[in-house]
Amino acid sequence: MAGRPNKTWRVLHRVTYVERPALMGFGRDIRKPMNGADEATTQDVMARVERLAQENRELSRKMARVLELLEARPALPSRR
C-alpha cells in the first residue's frame, strides 16, 4: 500500500503536469483594422521611437562631454 499513489496524488499529478502545446498560427488577429486605426497607431509609435532615439543621442553627447571634462580635470590629492 505504501508504494501506490492515492487518488489525491493522482488528481494533483494530473493538474500539475498538464502541458498545452503552442497553437501555431491560431493566436493572431486576422480581422482587418477599422478606419486605418492600426496604421495610424503604428505611425504614432514609430514617431515616438524616433523621438526617444533622438533624445538618447542628445543624452549620449552630453554624457560624453561630462566625461571629457572630468577626465581633463587634475586628480585630487587623496586624503589619508
N, C-alpha and C. Protein backbone atom coordinates (compact mmCIF):
# COMPACT_ATOMS: atom_id res chain seq x y z
N MET A 1 0.82 -1.19 0.00
CA MET A 1 0.00 0.00 0.00
C MET A 1 0.87 1.26 0.00
N ALA A 2 2.04 1.22 0.61
CA ALA A 2 2.87 2.41 0.72
C ALA A 2 3.41 2.85 -0.64
N GLY A 3 3.60 1.94 -1.58
CA GLY A 3 4.16 2.29 -2.87
C GLY A 3 3.14 2.79 -3.88
N ARG A 4 1.86 2.62 -3.60
CA ARG A 4 0.82 3.02 -4.56
C ARG A 4 0.35 4.44 -4.28
N PRO A 5 0.22 5.27 -5.31
CA PRO A 5 -0.29 6.62 -5.10
C PRO A 5 -1.78 6.61 -4.79
N ASN A 6 -2.20 7.49 -3.92
CA ASN A 6 -3.63 7.57 -3.61
C ASN A 6 -4.33 8.46 -4.63
N LYS A 7 -5.65 8.56 -4.52
CA LYS A 7 -6.43 9.31 -5.51
C LYS A 7 -6.09 10.80 -5.49
N THR A 8 -5.82 11.33 -4.32
CA THR A 8 -5.46 12.75 -4.24
C THR A 8 -4.19 13.02 -5.01
N TRP A 9 -3.19 12.18 -4.85
CA TRP A 9 -1.93 12.35 -5.57
C TRP A 9 -2.17 12.30 -7.07
N ARG A 10 -3.00 11.40 -7.51
CA ARG A 10 -3.26 11.29 -8.95
C ARG A 10 -3.90 12.56 -9.49
N VAL A 11 -4.86 13.12 -8.76
CA VAL A 11 -5.51 14.35 -9.21
C VAL A 11 -4.49 15.48 -9.25
N LEU A 12 -3.71 15.64 -8.20
CA LEU A 12 -2.70 16.70 -8.17
C LEU A 12 -1.67 16.51 -9.27
N HIS A 13 -1.27 15.28 -9.50
CA HIS A 13 -0.29 15.00 -10.53
C HIS A 13 -0.83 15.41 -11.90
N ARG A 14 -2.05 15.08 -12.18
CA ARG A 14 -2.64 15.44 -13.47
C ARG A 14 -2.76 16.95 -13.63
N VAL A 15 -3.22 17.63 -12.60
CA VAL A 15 -3.41 19.08 -12.68
C VAL A 15 -2.07 19.79 -12.79
N THR A 16 -1.08 19.32 -12.05
CA THR A 16 0.22 19.99 -12.03
C THR A 16 0.97 19.84 -13.35
N TYR A 17 0.86 18.72 -13.99
CA TYR A 17 1.68 18.44 -15.15
C TYR A 17 0.95 18.54 -16.48
N VAL A 18 -0.13 19.29 -16.53
CA VAL A 18 -0.82 19.49 -17.80
C VAL A 18 0.01 20.43 -18.65
N GLU A 19 0.30 20.02 -19.86
CA GLU A 19 1.02 20.88 -20.79
C GLU A 19 0.15 21.07 -22.01
N ARG A 20 0.04 22.31 -22.44
CA ARG A 20 -0.73 22.58 -23.64
C ARG A 20 0.25 22.98 -24.74
N PRO A 21 0.15 22.36 -25.89
CA PRO A 21 1.06 22.72 -26.98
C PRO A 21 0.77 24.12 -27.48
N ALA A 22 1.79 24.77 -27.98
CA ALA A 22 1.60 26.11 -28.54
C ALA A 22 0.74 25.99 -29.79
N LEU A 23 -0.20 26.88 -29.92
CA LEU A 23 -1.08 26.88 -31.08
C LEU A 23 -0.40 27.68 -32.18
N MET A 24 0.10 27.00 -33.17
CA MET A 24 0.84 27.67 -34.23
C MET A 24 -0.12 28.36 -35.18
N GLY A 25 -0.05 29.68 -35.22
CA GLY A 25 -0.87 30.45 -36.14
C GLY A 25 -2.28 30.72 -35.68
N PHE A 26 -2.66 30.25 -34.51
CA PHE A 26 -4.03 30.45 -34.05
C PHE A 26 -4.18 31.67 -33.16
N GLY A 27 -3.08 32.24 -32.67
CA GLY A 27 -3.17 33.35 -31.74
C GLY A 27 -3.22 34.71 -32.39
N ARG A 28 -3.13 34.77 -33.69
CA ARG A 28 -3.10 36.06 -34.37
C ARG A 28 -4.50 36.57 -34.65
N ASP A 29 -4.62 37.88 -34.68
CA ASP A 29 -5.89 38.52 -35.01
C ASP A 29 -5.90 38.72 -36.52
N ILE A 30 -6.82 38.08 -37.22
CA ILE A 30 -6.84 38.17 -38.68
C ILE A 30 -7.88 39.16 -39.18
N ARG A 31 -8.51 39.88 -38.25
CA ARG A 31 -9.50 40.86 -38.66
C ARG A 31 -8.82 42.07 -39.27
N LYS A 32 -9.49 42.73 -40.19
CA LYS A 32 -8.98 43.95 -40.81
C LYS A 32 -9.17 45.11 -39.85
N PRO A 33 -8.18 46.01 -39.73
CA PRO A 33 -8.38 47.17 -38.86
C PRO A 33 -9.43 48.10 -39.44
N MET A 34 -10.19 48.72 -38.55
CA MET A 34 -11.24 49.63 -38.99
C MET A 34 -10.70 51.04 -39.11
N ASN A 35 -11.05 51.72 -40.20
CA ASN A 35 -10.72 53.13 -40.41
C ASN A 35 -9.23 53.43 -40.39
N GLY A 36 -8.40 52.48 -40.71
CA GLY A 36 -6.96 52.71 -40.74
C GLY A 36 -6.36 53.02 -39.39
N ALA A 37 -7.03 52.66 -38.33
CA ALA A 37 -6.55 52.97 -36.98
C ALA A 37 -5.23 52.27 -36.70
N ASP A 38 -5.06 51.08 -37.25
CA ASP A 38 -3.84 50.33 -36.99
C ASP A 38 -2.63 51.04 -37.60
N GLU A 39 -2.78 51.55 -38.81
CA GLU A 39 -1.67 52.24 -39.46
C GLU A 39 -1.33 53.53 -38.73
N ALA A 40 -2.34 54.26 -38.29
CA ALA A 40 -2.10 55.50 -37.54
C ALA A 40 -1.39 55.20 -36.23
N THR A 41 -1.79 54.14 -35.57
CA THR A 41 -1.14 53.76 -34.32
C THR A 41 0.31 53.39 -34.57
N THR A 42 0.56 52.66 -35.63
CA THR A 42 1.93 52.28 -35.98
C THR A 42 2.77 53.52 -36.24
N GLN A 43 2.22 54.48 -36.96
CA GLN A 43 2.96 55.70 -37.25
C GLN A 43 3.24 56.49 -35.97
N ASP A 44 2.28 56.53 -35.06
CA ASP A 44 2.48 57.21 -33.78
C ASP A 44 3.61 56.55 -32.99
N VAL A 45 3.60 55.23 -32.97
CA VAL A 45 4.64 54.51 -32.24
C VAL A 45 6.01 54.75 -32.88
N MET A 46 6.07 54.71 -34.20
CA MET A 46 7.34 54.95 -34.89
C MET A 46 7.86 56.36 -34.62
N ALA A 47 6.96 57.35 -34.61
CA ALA A 47 7.37 58.73 -34.32
C ALA A 47 7.90 58.85 -32.89
N ARG A 48 7.24 58.17 -31.97
CA ARG A 48 7.68 58.21 -30.58
C ARG A 48 9.05 57.54 -30.42
N VAL A 49 9.25 56.42 -31.12
CA VAL A 49 10.54 55.74 -31.07
C VAL A 49 11.63 56.64 -31.62
N GLU A 50 11.35 57.33 -32.71
CA GLU A 50 12.34 58.24 -33.30
C GLU A 50 12.67 59.38 -32.34
N ARG A 51 11.65 59.94 -31.68
CA ARG A 51 11.89 61.00 -30.69
C ARG A 51 12.77 60.49 -29.55
N LEU A 52 12.47 59.28 -29.08
CA LEU A 52 13.27 58.71 -28.00
C LEU A 52 14.71 58.46 -28.44
N ALA A 53 14.88 58.02 -29.68
CA ALA A 53 16.22 57.79 -30.21
C ALA A 53 16.99 59.11 -30.27
N GLN A 54 16.32 60.17 -30.70
CA GLN A 54 16.96 61.49 -30.76
C GLN A 54 17.35 61.96 -29.36
N GLU A 55 16.45 61.82 -28.40
CA GLU A 55 16.77 62.20 -27.02
C GLU A 55 17.95 61.38 -26.49
N ASN A 56 17.98 60.11 -26.85
CA ASN A 56 19.08 59.24 -26.41
C ASN A 56 20.40 59.71 -27.00
N ARG A 57 20.40 60.11 -28.27
CA ARG A 57 21.63 60.62 -28.90
C ARG A 57 22.09 61.90 -28.20
N GLU A 58 21.15 62.79 -27.89
CA GLU A 58 21.50 64.03 -27.19
C GLU A 58 22.09 63.75 -25.81
N LEU A 59 21.47 62.83 -25.08
CA LEU A 59 21.99 62.48 -23.76
C LEU A 59 23.37 61.85 -23.86
N SER A 60 23.58 61.04 -24.88
CA SER A 60 24.90 60.42 -25.07
C SER A 60 25.96 61.48 -25.33
N ARG A 61 25.62 62.49 -26.15
CA ARG A 61 26.57 63.57 -26.40
C ARG A 61 26.88 64.34 -25.12
N LYS A 62 25.84 64.62 -24.33
CA LYS A 62 26.05 65.35 -23.08
C LYS A 62 26.92 64.54 -22.11
N MET A 63 26.65 63.26 -22.00
CA MET A 63 27.42 62.42 -21.10
C MET A 63 28.87 62.30 -21.56
N ALA A 64 29.08 62.24 -22.86
CA ALA A 64 30.44 62.19 -23.39
C ALA A 64 31.18 63.48 -23.03
N ARG A 65 30.49 64.61 -23.11
CA ARG A 65 31.10 65.90 -22.76
C ARG A 65 31.43 65.96 -21.26
N VAL A 66 30.53 65.48 -20.42
CA VAL A 66 30.78 65.45 -18.98
C VAL A 66 31.99 64.57 -18.67
N LEU A 67 32.05 63.41 -19.29
CA LEU A 67 33.18 62.50 -19.08
C LEU A 67 34.48 63.14 -19.55
N GLU A 68 34.42 63.83 -20.67
CA GLU A 68 35.59 64.53 -21.20
C GLU A 68 36.08 65.58 -20.20
N LEU A 69 35.16 66.35 -19.65
CA LEU A 69 35.52 67.38 -18.67
C LEU A 69 36.10 66.77 -17.39
N LEU A 70 35.51 65.68 -16.95
CA LEU A 70 36.02 65.02 -15.74
C LEU A 70 37.41 64.46 -15.94
N GLU A 71 37.65 63.89 -17.11
CA GLU A 71 38.97 63.32 -17.38
C GLU A 71 40.02 64.41 -17.55
N ALA A 72 39.63 65.61 -17.96
CA ALA A 72 40.57 66.70 -18.17
C ALA A 72 40.96 67.38 -16.85
N ARG A 73 40.17 67.21 -15.82
CA ARG A 73 40.48 67.82 -14.52
C ARG A 73 41.69 67.15 -13.89
N PRO A 74 42.49 67.92 -13.19
CA PRO A 74 43.61 67.29 -12.48
C PRO A 74 43.07 66.44 -11.33
N ALA A 75 43.77 65.38 -11.06
CA ALA A 75 43.34 64.47 -10.00
C ALA A 75 43.45 65.16 -8.64
N LEU A 76 42.50 64.93 -7.78
CA LEU A 76 42.53 65.48 -6.44
C LEU A 76 43.46 64.65 -5.57
N PRO A 77 44.20 65.29 -4.68
CA PRO A 77 45.07 64.50 -3.79
C PRO A 77 44.20 63.67 -2.85
N SER A 78 44.66 62.48 -2.58
CA SER A 78 43.88 61.60 -1.69
C SER A 78 44.07 62.04 -0.25
N ARG A 79 43.06 61.86 0.56
CA ARG A 79 43.10 62.24 1.98
C ARG A 79 43.28 60.98 2.81
N ARG A 80 44.45 60.73 3.22
CA ARG A 80 44.67 59.57 4.09
C ARG A 80 45.36 59.96 5.34
